[in-house]
Amino acid sequence: MSAPRPPARPEPAPRFPMRDLLASCAAARAISTPPPAPDPAEAERTVDHREAA
């Protein structure tokens, strides 16, 4: 009977700079956050747009 094999060591994860990790988290948050609801007071003040010349 042969000696038991030691458990396989997992491969190390690739290293990413902290700056890139934080930037990807900020981008994901910006994409997944819905835009704010329009302010009702702003909606009442409509400005007539002039036509271009």
C-alpha atoms as a PDB file:
ATOM      1  CA  MET A   1       0.000   0.000   0.000  1.00  0.00           C
ATOM      2  CA  SER A   2       1.413   3.396  -0.949  1.00  0.00           C
ATOM      3  CA  ALA A   3       1.579   6.446   1.280  1.00  0.00           C
ATOM      4  CA  PRO A   4      -1.451   8.740   1.106  1.00  0.00           C
ATOM      5  CA  ARG A   5      -1.009  11.731  -1.159  1.00  0.00           C
ATOM      6  CA  PRO A   6      -1.163  15.166   0.451  1.00  0.00           C
ATOM      7  CA  PRO A   7      -4.237  17.201  -0.470  1.00  0.00           C
ATOM      8  CA  ALA A   8      -3.831  19.289  -3.601  1.00  0.00           C
ATOM      9  CA  ARG A   9      -3.095  22.935  -2.941  1.00  0.00           C
ATOM     10  CA  PRO A  10      -5.456  25.358  -4.654  1.00  0.00           C
ATOM     11  CA  GLU A  11      -3.965  27.636  -7.279  1.00  0.00           C
ATOM     12  CA  PRO A  12      -3.376  31.167  -5.991  1.00  0.00           C
ATOM     13  CA  ALA A  13      -5.868  33.705  -7.270  1.00  0.00           C
ATOM     14  CA  PRO A  14      -4.541  36.245  -9.735  1.00  0.00           C
ATOM     15  CA  ARG A  15      -3.539  39.472  -8.063  1.00  0.00           C
ATOM     16  CA  PHE A  16      -5.401  42.668  -8.882  1.00  0.00           C
ATOM     17  CA  PRO A  17      -4.349  46.131  -7.760  1.00  0.00           C
ATOM     18  CA  MET A  18      -6.613  47.535  -5.058  1.00  0.00           C
ATOM     19  CA  ARG A  19      -7.244  50.580  -7.269  1.00  0.00           C
ATOM     20  CA  ASP A  20      -8.709  48.351 -10.012  1.00  0.00           C
ATOM     21  CA  LEU A  21     -10.832  46.429  -7.505  1.00  0.00           C
ATOM     22  CA  LEU A  22     -12.275  49.621  -6.009  1.00  0.00           C
ATOM     23  CA  ALA A  23     -12.901  51.091  -9.467  1.00  0.00           C
ATOM     24  CA  SER A  24     -14.793  47.989 -10.560  1.00  0.00           C
ATOM     25  CA  CYS A  25     -16.929  48.097  -7.406  1.00  0.00           C
ATOM     26  CA  ALA A  26     -17.727  51.775  -7.972  1.00  0.00           C
ATOM     27  CA  ALA A  27     -18.661  51.075 -11.602  1.00  0.00           C
ATOM     28  CA  ALA A  28     -20.906  48.187 -10.605  1.00  0.00           C
ATOM     29  CA  ARG A  29     -22.626  50.362  -7.990  1.00  0.00           C
ATOM     30  CA  ALA A  30     -23.162  53.172 -10.505  1.00  0.00           C
ATOM     31  CA  ILE A  31     -24.677  50.804 -13.042  1.00  0.00           C
ATOM     32  CA  SER A  32     -26.942  48.988 -10.582  1.00  0.00           C
ATOM     33  CA  THR A  33     -28.263  52.111  -8.817  1.00  0.00           C
ATOM     34  CA  PRO A  34     -31.444  53.465 -10.431  1.00  0.00           C
ATOM     35  CA  PRO A  35     -31.592  57.187 -11.167  1.00  0.00           C
ATOM     36  CA  PRO A  36     -33.297  59.331  -8.542  1.00  0.00           C
ATOM     37  CA  ALA A  37     -36.993  60.073  -8.933  1.00  0.00           C
ATOM     38  CA  PRO A  38     -37.750  63.493 -10.363  1.00  0.00           C
ATOM     39  CA  ASP A  39     -38.515  66.197  -7.840  1.00  0.00           C
ATOM     40  CA  PRO A  40     -42.242  67.117  -8.021  1.00  0.00           C
ATOM     41  CA  ALA A  41     -41.417  70.801  -7.468  1.00  0.00           C
ATOM     42  CA  GLU A  42     -39.059  70.727 -10.451  1.00  0.00           C
ATOM     43  CA  ALA A  43     -41.701  69.095 -12.644  1.00  0.00           C
ATOM     44  CA  GLU A  44     -44.102  71.977 -12.046  1.00  0.00           C
ATOM     45  CA  ARG A  45     -41.597  74.540 -13.280  1.00  0.00           C
ATOM     46  CA  THR A  46     -41.442  73.722 -16.967  1.00  0.00           C
ATOM     47  CA  VAL A  47     -39.479  76.004 -19.218  1.00  0.00           C
ATOM     48  CA  ASP A  48     -40.600  76.571 -22.783  1.00  0.00           C
ATOM     49  CA  HIS A  49     -37.839  75.676 -25.179  1.00  0.00           C
ATOM     50  CA  ARG A  50     -37.200  77.977 -28.072  1.00  0.00           C
ATOM     51  CA  GLU A  51     -36.819  76.473 -31.493  1.00  0.00           C
ATOM     52  CA  ALA A  52     -33.427  76.619 -33.089  1.00  0.00           C
ATOM     53  CA  ALA A  53     -32.934  79.223 -35.809  1.00  0.00           C
END
